[in-house]
PDB file of N, CA and C in Angstrom:
ATOM      1  N   MET A   1       8.531   1.703  26.169  1.00  0.00           N
ATOM      2  CA  MET A   1       7.873   0.432  26.357  1.00  0.00           C
ATOM      3  C   MET A   1       8.356  -0.600  25.350  1.00  0.00           C
ATOM      4  N   GLY A   2       8.905  -0.152  24.218  1.00  0.00           N
ATOM      5  CA  GLY A   2       9.454  -1.080  23.246  1.00  0.00           C
ATOM      6  C   GLY A   2       8.433  -1.950  22.540  1.00  0.00           C
ATOM      7  N   TYR A   3       7.323  -1.383  22.117  1.00  0.00           N
ATOM      8  CA  TYR A   3       6.289  -2.161  21.431  1.00  0.00           C
ATOM      9  C   TYR A   3       6.739  -2.575  20.030  1.00  0.00           C
ATOM     10  N   ASP A   4       6.296  -3.746  19.595  1.00  0.00           N
ATOM     11  CA  ASP A   4       6.470  -4.193  18.223  1.00  0.00           C
ATOM     12  C   ASP A   4       5.111  -4.066  17.553  1.00  0.00           C
ATOM     13  N   VAL A   5       5.060  -3.377  16.425  1.00  0.00           N
ATOM     14  CA  VAL A   5       3.799  -3.050  15.772  1.00  0.00           C
ATOM     15  C   VAL A   5       3.751  -3.679  14.387  1.00  0.00           C
ATOM     16  N   LEU A   6       2.593  -4.235  14.030  1.00  0.00           N
ATOM     17  CA  LEU A   6       2.342  -4.756  12.700  1.00  0.00           C
ATOM     18  C   LEU A   6       1.218  -3.936  12.084  1.00  0.00           C
ATOM     19  N   MET A   7       1.500  -3.310  10.937  1.00  0.00           N
ATOM     20  CA  MET A   7       0.483  -2.538  10.241  1.00  0.00           C
ATOM     21  C   MET A   7       0.132  -3.285   8.956  1.00  0.00           C
ATOM     22  N   THR A   8      -1.145  -3.539   8.753  1.00  0.00           N
ATOM     23  CA  THR A   8      -1.574  -4.207   7.526  1.00  0.00           C
ATOM     24  C   THR A   8      -2.343  -3.218   6.663  1.00  0.00           C
ATOM     25  N   ALA A   9      -2.010  -3.203   5.398  1.00  0.00           N
ATOM     26  CA  ALA A   9      -2.706  -2.357   4.429  1.00  0.00           C
ATOM     27  C   ALA A   9      -3.499  -3.284   3.527  1.00  0.00           C
ATOM     28  N   ASP A  10      -4.787  -3.392   3.801  1.00  0.00           N
ATOM     29  CA  ASP A  10      -5.639  -4.290   3.036  1.00  0.00           C
ATOM     30  C   ASP A  10      -5.890  -3.708   1.653  1.00  0.00           C
ATOM     31  N   SER A  11      -5.599  -4.482   0.651  1.00  0.00           N
ATOM     32  CA  SER A  11      -5.881  -4.152  -0.742  1.00  0.00           C
ATOM     33  C   SER A  11      -5.183  -2.880  -1.207  1.00  0.00           C
ATOM     34  N   THR A  12      -3.889  -2.924  -1.211  1.00  0.00           N
ATOM     35  CA  THR A  12      -3.087  -1.819  -1.720  1.00  0.00           C
ATOM     36  C   THR A  12      -3.432  -1.527  -3.178  1.00  0.00           C
ATOM     37  N   SER A  13      -3.730  -2.573  -3.934  1.00  0.00           N
ATOM     38  CA  SER A  13      -4.055  -2.377  -5.350  1.00  0.00           C
ATOM     39  C   SER A  13      -5.373  -1.623  -5.529  1.00  0.00           C
ATOM     40  N   ARG A  14      -6.339  -1.859  -4.661  1.00  0.00           N
ATOM     41  CA  ARG A  14      -7.603  -1.113  -4.760  1.00  0.00           C
ATOM     42  C   ARG A  14      -7.394   0.347  -4.399  1.00  0.00           C
ATOM     43  N   TRP A  15      -6.493   0.623  -3.488  1.00  0.00           N
ATOM     44  CA  TRP A  15      -6.141   1.995  -3.146  1.00  0.00           C
ATOM     45  C   TRP A  15      -5.541   2.680  -4.375  1.00  0.00           C
ATOM     46  N   ALA A  16      -4.666   1.972  -5.086  1.00  0.00           N
ATOM     47  CA  ALA A  16      -4.059   2.526  -6.295  1.00  0.00           C
ATOM     48  C   ALA A  16      -5.118   2.763  -7.371  1.00  0.00           C
ATOM     49  N   GLU A  17      -6.069   1.842  -7.501  1.00  0.00           N
ATOM     50  CA  GLU A  17      -7.139   2.024  -8.475  1.00  0.00           C
ATOM     51  C   GLU A  17      -8.001   3.243  -8.127  1.00  0.00           C
ATOM     52  N   ALA A  18      -8.230   3.457  -6.834  1.00  0.00           N
ATOM     53  CA  ALA A  18      -8.995   4.634  -6.403  1.00  0.00           C
ATOM     54  C   ALA A  18      -8.226   5.912  -6.726  1.00  0.00           C
ATOM     55  N   MET A  19      -6.903   5.886  -6.562  1.00  0.00           N
ATOM     56  CA  MET A  19      -6.097   7.053  -6.912  1.00  0.00           C
ATOM     57  C   MET A  19      -6.160   7.312  -8.416  1.00  0.00           C
ATOM     58  N   ARG A  20      -6.177   6.232  -9.214  1.00  0.00           N
ATOM     59  CA  ARG A  20      -6.278   6.379 -10.672  1.00  0.00           C
ATOM     60  C   ARG A  20      -7.623   7.020 -11.029  1.00  0.00           C
ATOM     61  N   GLU A  21      -8.696   6.566 -10.383  1.00  0.00           N
ATOM     62  CA  GLU A  21     -10.027   7.122 -10.648  1.00  0.00           C
ATOM     63  C   GLU A  21     -10.096   8.602 -10.262  1.00  0.00           C
ATOM     64  N   MET A  22      -9.555   8.945  -9.100  1.00  0.00           N
ATOM     65  CA  MET A  22      -9.569  10.344  -8.663  1.00  0.00           C
ATOM     66  C   MET A  22      -8.719  11.208  -9.596  1.00  0.00           C
ATOM     67  N   GLY A  23      -7.566  10.707 -10.018  1.00  0.00           N
ATOM     68  CA  GLY A  23      -6.719  11.450 -10.947  1.00  0.00           C
ATOM     69  C   GLY A  23      -7.425  11.706 -12.259  1.00  0.00           C
ATOM     70  N   SER A  24      -8.173  10.722 -12.713  1.00  0.00           N
ATOM     71  CA  SER A  24      -8.935  10.880 -13.952  1.00  0.00           C
ATOM     72  C   SER A  24     -10.016  11.945 -13.798  1.00  0.00           C
ATOM     73  N   ARG A  25     -10.727  11.903 -12.686  1.00  0.00           N
ATOM     74  CA  ARG A  25     -11.797  12.888 -12.451  1.00  0.00           C
ATOM     75  C   ARG A  25     -11.244  14.299 -12.267  1.00  0.00           C
ATOM     76  N   LEU A  26     -10.028  14.398 -11.719  1.00  0.00           N
ATOM     77  CA  LEU A  26      -9.403  15.713 -11.536  1.00  0.00           C
ATOM     78  C   LEU A  26      -8.637  16.156 -12.780  1.00  0.00           C
ATOM     79  N   GLU A  27      -8.714  15.338 -13.844  1.00  0.00           N
ATOM     80  CA  GLU A  27      -8.052  15.607 -15.116  1.00  0.00           C
ATOM     81  C   GLU A  27      -6.541  15.777 -14.973  1.00  0.00           C
ATOM     82  N   GLU A  28      -5.945  14.953 -14.107  1.00  0.00           N
ATOM     83  CA  GLU A  28      -4.493  14.965 -13.952  1.00  0.00           C
ATOM     84  C   GLU A  28      -3.861  14.171 -15.093  1.00  0.00           C
ATOM     85  N   MET A  29      -2.632  14.518 -15.432  1.00  0.00           N
ATOM     86  CA  MET A  29      -1.919  13.821 -16.485  1.00  0.00           C
ATOM     87  C   MET A  29      -1.603  12.404 -15.999  1.00  0.00           C
ATOM     88  N   PRO A  30      -2.089  11.372 -16.703  1.00  0.00           N
ATOM     89  CA  PRO A  30      -1.828  10.002 -16.252  1.00  0.00           C
ATOM     90  C   PRO A  30      -0.408   9.559 -16.554  1.00  0.00           C
ATOM     91  N   GLY A  31       0.073   8.664 -15.730  1.00  0.00           N
ATOM     92  CA  GLY A  31       1.364   8.029 -15.958  1.00  0.00           C
ATOM     93  C   GLY A  31       1.145   6.675 -16.594  1.00  0.00           C
ATOM     94  N   GLU A  32       1.996   5.730 -16.247  1.00  0.00           N
ATOM     95  CA  GLU A  32       1.928   4.387 -16.807  1.00  0.00           C
ATOM     96  C   GLU A  32       0.607   3.708 -16.443  1.00  0.00           C
ATOM     97  N   GLU A  33      -0.044   3.101 -17.426  1.00  0.00           N
ATOM     98  CA  GLU A  33      -1.301   2.366 -17.275  1.00  0.00           C
ATOM     99  C   GLU A  33      -2.423   3.211 -16.665  1.00  0.00           C
ATOM    100  N   GLY A  34      -2.350   4.519 -16.843  1.00  0.00           N
ATOM    101  CA  GLY A  34      -3.412   5.392 -16.372  1.00  0.00           C
ATOM    102  C   GLY A  34      -3.311   5.804 -14.918  1.00  0.00           C
ATOM    103  N   TYR A  35      -2.339   5.267 -14.180  1.00  0.00           N
ATOM    104  CA  TYR A  35      -2.167   5.649 -12.777  1.00  0.00           C
ATOM    105  C   TYR A  35      -1.508   7.018 -12.704  1.00  0.00           C
ATOM    106  N   PRO A  36      -1.758   7.776 -11.639  1.00  0.00           N
ATOM    107  CA  PRO A  36      -1.087   9.074 -11.491  1.00  0.00           C
ATOM    108  C   PRO A  36       0.434   8.890 -11.434  1.00  0.00           C
ATOM    109  N   ALA A  37       1.148   9.847 -11.981  1.00  0.00           N
ATOM    110  CA  ALA A  37       2.611   9.770 -12.015  1.00  0.00           C
ATOM    111  C   ALA A  37       3.214   9.738 -10.607  1.00  0.00           C
ATOM    112  N   TYR A  38       2.495  10.278  -9.640  1.00  0.00           N
ATOM    113  CA  TYR A  38       3.011  10.344  -8.267  1.00  0.00           C
ATOM    114  C   TYR A  38       2.639   9.119  -7.423  1.00  0.00           C
ATOM    115  N   LEU A  39       2.051   8.088  -8.037  1.00  0.00           N
ATOM    116  CA  LEU A  39       1.608   6.913  -7.277  1.00  0.00           C
ATOM    117  C   LEU A  39       2.759   6.275  -6.498  1.00  0.00           C
ATOM    118  N   GLY A  40       3.898   6.083  -7.121  1.00  0.00           N
ATOM    119  CA  GLY A  40       5.042   5.467  -6.443  1.00  0.00           C
ATOM    120  C   GLY A  40       5.500   6.257  -5.233  1.00  0.00           C
ATOM    121  N   ALA A  41       5.536   7.570  -5.375  1.00  0.00           N
ATOM    122  CA  ALA A  41       5.950   8.421  -4.252  1.00  0.00           C
ATOM    123  C   ALA A  41       4.952   8.335  -3.105  1.00  0.00           C
ATOM    124  N   ARG A  42       3.654   8.318  -3.418  1.00  0.00           N
ATOM    125  CA  ARG A  42       2.634   8.216  -2.366  1.00  0.00           C
ATOM    126  C   ARG A  42       2.717   6.876  -1.650  1.00  0.00           C
ATOM    127  N   LEU A  43       2.933   5.810  -2.409  1.00  0.00           N
ATOM    128  CA  LEU A  43       3.062   4.489  -1.806  1.00  0.00           C
ATOM    129  C   LEU A  43       4.285   4.436  -0.900  1.00  0.00           C
ATOM    130  N   HIS A  44       5.386   5.003  -1.356  1.00  0.00           N
ATOM    131  CA  HIS A  44       6.606   5.047  -0.538  1.00  0.00           C
ATOM    132  C   HIS A  44       6.382   5.843   0.742  1.00  0.00           C
ATOM    133  N   ASP A  45       5.732   7.001   0.606  1.00  0.00           N
ATOM    134  CA  ASP A  45       5.479   7.842   1.781  1.00  0.00           C
ATOM    135  C   ASP A  45       4.607   7.147   2.816  1.00  0.00           C
ATOM    136  N   SER A  46       3.670   6.321   2.352  1.00  0.00           N
ATOM    137  CA  SER A  46       2.759   5.672   3.299  1.00  0.00           C
ATOM    138  C   SER A  46       3.364   4.438   3.954  1.00  0.00           C
ATOM    139  N   THR A  47       4.454   3.914   3.405  1.00  0.00           N
ATOM    140  CA  THR A  47       5.025   2.691   3.969  1.00  0.00           C
ATOM    141  C   THR A  47       6.432   2.860   4.528  1.00  0.00           C
ATOM    142  N   SER A  48       7.046   4.012   4.348  1.00  0.00           N
ATOM    143  CA  SER A  48       8.420   4.166   4.827  1.00  0.00           C
ATOM    144  C   SER A  48       8.444   4.573   6.302  1.00  0.00           C
ATOM    145  N   VAL A  49       9.387   4.030   7.001  1.00  0.00           N
ATOM    146  CA  VAL A  49       9.611   4.361   8.414  1.00  0.00           C
ATOM    147  C   VAL A  49      10.987   5.017   8.477  1.00  0.00           C
ATOM    148  N   PRO A  50      11.062   6.283   8.875  1.00  0.00           N
ATOM    149  CA  PRO A  50      12.318   7.010   8.780  1.00  0.00           C
ATOM    150  C   PRO A  50      13.425   6.550   9.730  1.00  0.00           C
ATOM    151  N   ASP A  51      13.084   5.954  10.851  1.00  0.00           N
ATOM    152  CA  ASP A  51      14.096   5.600  11.833  1.00  0.00           C
ATOM    153  C   ASP A  51      13.549   4.481  12.713  1.00  0.00           C
ATOM    154  N   VAL A  52      14.394   3.955  13.561  1.00  0.00           N
ATOM    155  CA  VAL A  52      13.966   2.936  14.520  1.00  0.00           C
ATOM    156  C   VAL A  52      13.076   3.615  15.553  1.00  0.00           C
ATOM    157  N   PRO A  53      11.848   3.111  15.745  1.00  0.00           N
ATOM    158  CA  PRO A  53      10.961   3.745  16.727  1.00  0.00           C
ATOM    159  C   PRO A  53      11.490   3.585  18.146  1.00  0.00           C
ATOM    160  N   ARG A  54      11.490   4.660  18.883  1.00  0.00           N
ATOM    161  CA  ARG A  54      11.920   4.646  20.286  1.00  0.00           C
ATOM    162  C   ARG A  54      10.826   5.281  21.133  1.00  0.00           C
ATOM    163  N   SER A  55      10.590   4.680  22.280  1.00  0.00           N
ATOM    164  CA  SER A  55       9.571   5.223  23.180  1.00  0.00           C
ATOM    165  C   SER A  55      10.182   6.306  24.055  1.00  0.00           C
ATOM    166  N   LEU A  56       9.348   6.996  24.786  1.00  0.00           N
ATOM    167  CA  LEU A  56       9.822   8.076  25.643  1.00  0.00           C
ATOM    168  C   LEU A  56      10.746   7.581  26.748  1.00  0.00           C
ATOM    169  N   ASN A  57      10.579   6.313  27.161  1.00  0.00           N
ATOM    170  CA  ASN A  57      11.445   5.794  28.222  1.00  0.00           C
ATOM    171  C   ASN A  57      12.714   5.149  27.658  1.00  0.00           C
ATOM    172  N   GLY A  58      12.943   5.302  26.349  1.00  0.00           N
ATOM    173  CA  GLY A  58      14.176   4.791  25.749  1.00  0.00           C
ATOM    174  C   GLY A  58      14.070   3.391  25.182  1.00  0.00           C
ATOM    175  N   GLY A  59      12.921   2.725  25.329  1.00  0.00           N
ATOM    176  CA  GLY A  59      12.758   1.385  24.770  1.00  0.00           C
ATOM    177  C   GLY A  59      12.743   1.430  23.243  1.00  0.00           C
ATOM    178  N   GLN A  60      13.219   0.360  22.637  1.00  0.00           N
ATOM    179  CA  GLN A  60      13.254   0.287  21.176  1.00  0.00           C
ATOM    180  C   GLN A  60      12.189  -0.680  20.687  1.00  0.00           C
ATOM    181  N   GLY A  61      11.400  -0.260  19.723  1.00  0.00           N
ATOM    182  CA  GLY A  61      10.352  -1.108  19.165  1.00  0.00           C
ATOM    183  C   GLY A  61      10.635  -1.428  17.715  1.00  0.00           C
ATOM    184  N   SER A  62       9.631  -1.959  17.041  1.00  0.00           N
ATOM    185  CA  SER A  62       9.762  -2.236  15.612  1.00  0.00           C
ATOM    186  C   SER A  62       8.426  -2.010  14.933  1.00  0.00           C
ATOM    187  N   VAL A  63       8.483  -1.725  13.638  1.00  0.00           N
ATOM    188  CA  VAL A  63       7.283  -1.558  12.838  1.00  0.00           C
ATOM    189  C   VAL A  63       7.427  -2.445  11.615  1.00  0.00           C
ATOM    190  N   SER A  64       6.470  -3.341  11.405  1.00  0.00           N
ATOM    191  CA  SER A  64       6.427  -4.190  10.215  1.00  0.00           C
ATOM    192  C   SER A  64       5.189  -3.811   9.421  1.00  0.00           C
ATOM    193  N   ILE A  65       5.343  -3.670   8.101  1.00  0.00           N
ATOM    194  CA  ILE A  65       4.227  -3.279   7.253  1.00  0.00           C
ATOM    195  C   ILE A  65       3.992  -4.368   6.221  1.00  0.00           C
ATOM    196  N   VAL A  66       2.744  -4.838   6.133  1.00  0.00           N
ATOM    197  CA  VAL A  66       2.355  -5.871   5.177  1.00  0.00           C
ATOM    198  C   VAL A  66       1.260  -5.290   4.298  1.00  0.00           C
ATOM    199  N   GLY A  67       1.451  -5.359   2.993  1.00  0.00           N
ATOM    200  CA  GLY A  67       0.444  -4.864   2.056  1.00  0.00           C
ATOM    201  C   GLY A  67      -0.157  -6.006   1.264  1.00  0.00           C
ATOM    202  N   ALA A  68      -1.476  -6.100   1.259  1.00  0.00           N
ATOM    203  CA  ALA A  68      -2.170  -7.120   0.470  1.00  0.00           C
ATOM    204  C   ALA A  68      -2.482  -6.545  -0.900  1.00  0.00           C
ATOM    205  N   VAL A  69      -2.374  -7.363  -1.929  1.00  0.00           N
ATOM    206  CA  VAL A  69      -2.650  -6.929  -3.295  1.00  0.00           C
ATOM    207  C   VAL A  69      -3.780  -7.786  -3.846  1.00  0.00           C
ATOM    208  N   SER A  70      -4.828  -7.136  -4.328  1.00  0.00           N
ATOM    209  CA  SER A  70      -5.963  -7.837  -4.917  1.00  0.00           C
ATOM    210  C   SER A  70      -5.713  -8.062  -6.402  1.00  0.00           C
ATOM    211  N   PRO A  71      -6.325  -9.082  -6.984  1.00  0.00           N
ATOM    212  CA  PRO A  71      -6.191  -9.285  -8.425  1.00  0.00           C
ATOM    213  C   PRO A  71      -6.802  -8.123  -9.204  1.00  0.00           C
ATOM    214  N   ALA A  72      -6.313  -7.893 -10.415  1.00  0.00           N
ATOM    215  CA  ALA A  72      -6.841  -6.811 -11.249  1.00  0.00           C
ATOM    216  C   ALA A  72      -8.334  -6.994 -11.485  1.00  0.00           C
ATOM    217  N   GLY A  73      -9.074  -5.931 -11.356  1.00  0.00           N
ATOM    218  CA  GLY A  73     -10.513  -5.979 -11.576  1.00  0.00           C
ATOM    219  C   GLY A  73     -11.291  -6.631 -10.459  1.00  0.00           C
ATOM    220  N   GLY A  74     -10.632  -7.007  -9.379  1.00  0.00           N
ATOM    221  CA  GLY A  74     -11.315  -7.616  -8.249  1.00  0.00           C
ATOM    222  C   GLY A  74     -11.682  -9.069  -8.465  1.00  0.00           C
ATOM    223  N   ALA A  75     -11.105  -9.702  -9.474  1.00  0.00           N
ATOM    224  CA  ALA A  75     -11.404 -11.121  -9.729  1.00  0.00           C
ATOM    225  C   ALA A  75     -10.879 -11.966  -8.586  1.00  0.00           C
ATOM    226  N   SER A  76     -11.704 -12.849  -8.082  1.00  0.00           N
ATOM    227  CA  SER A  76     -11.301 -13.654  -6.924  1.00  0.00           C
ATOM    228  C   SER A  76     -10.841 -15.039  -7.313  1.00  0.00           C
ATOM    229  N   THR A  77     -10.860 -15.370  -8.600  1.00  0.00           N
ATOM    230  CA  THR A  77     -10.402 -16.697  -9.023  1.00  0.00           C
ATOM    231  C   THR A  77      -9.179 -16.553  -9.904  1.00  0.00           C
ATOM    232  N   SER A  78      -8.342 -17.518  -9.839  1.00  0.00           N
ATOM    233  CA  SER A  78      -7.128 -17.524 -10.634  1.00  0.00           C
ATOM    234  C   SER A  78      -6.870 -18.943 -11.070  1.00  0.00           C
ATOM    235  N   PRO A  79      -6.364 -19.154 -12.284  1.00  0.00           N
ATOM    236  CA  PRO A  79      -6.076 -20.528 -12.712  1.00  0.00           C
ATOM    237  C   PRO A  79      -5.129 -21.258 -11.774  1.00  0.00           C
ATOM    238  N   SER A  80      -4.215 -20.505 -11.135  1.00  0.00           N
ATOM    239  CA  SER A  80      -3.257 -21.139 -10.239  1.00  0.00           C
ATOM    240  C   SER A  80      -3.895 -21.542  -8.898  1.00  0.00           C
ATOM    241  N   LEU A  81      -5.092 -20.989  -8.598  1.00  0.00           N
ATOM    242  CA  LEU A  81      -5.739 -21.290  -7.324  1.00  0.00           C
ATOM    243  C   LEU A  81      -6.859 -22.338  -7.462  1.00  0.00           C
ATOM    244  N   ARG A  82      -7.190 -22.695  -8.680  1.00  0.00           N
ATOM    245  CA  ARG A  82      -8.274 -23.647  -8.892  1.00  0.00           C
ATOM    246  C   ARG A  82      -7.869 -25.049  -8.498  1.00  0.00           C
ATOM    247  N   THR A  83      -8.820 -25.774  -7.956  1.00  0.00           N
ATOM    248  CA  THR A  83      -8.577 -27.176  -7.624  1.00  0.00           C
ATOM    249  C   THR A  83      -9.244 -28.043  -8.659  1.00  0.00           C
ATOM    250  N   HIS A  84      -8.653 -29.167  -8.963  1.00  0.00           N
ATOM    251  CA  HIS A  84      -9.196 -30.072  -9.987  1.00  0.00           C
ATOM    252  C   HIS A  84      -9.804 -31.286  -9.354  1.00  0.00           C
TER     253      HIS A  84
END
């Protein structure tokens, strides 16, 4: 059928923070900034597409992945976003 797919990952940074919290509770050895050492590999595994998607009838599709990143600590204001 050749579908084009858009996958959105809302708040990738909050997912990483949750992994940091779980790693801490499981007493795993932390990596940089307290995140699990395997965070990069998990992020890659969840966003990588190994090949061009093909349907059973031979049509070629596409997969686009967009990840949103929240500010650290969940702060919703930023000096660059303020209006004067």
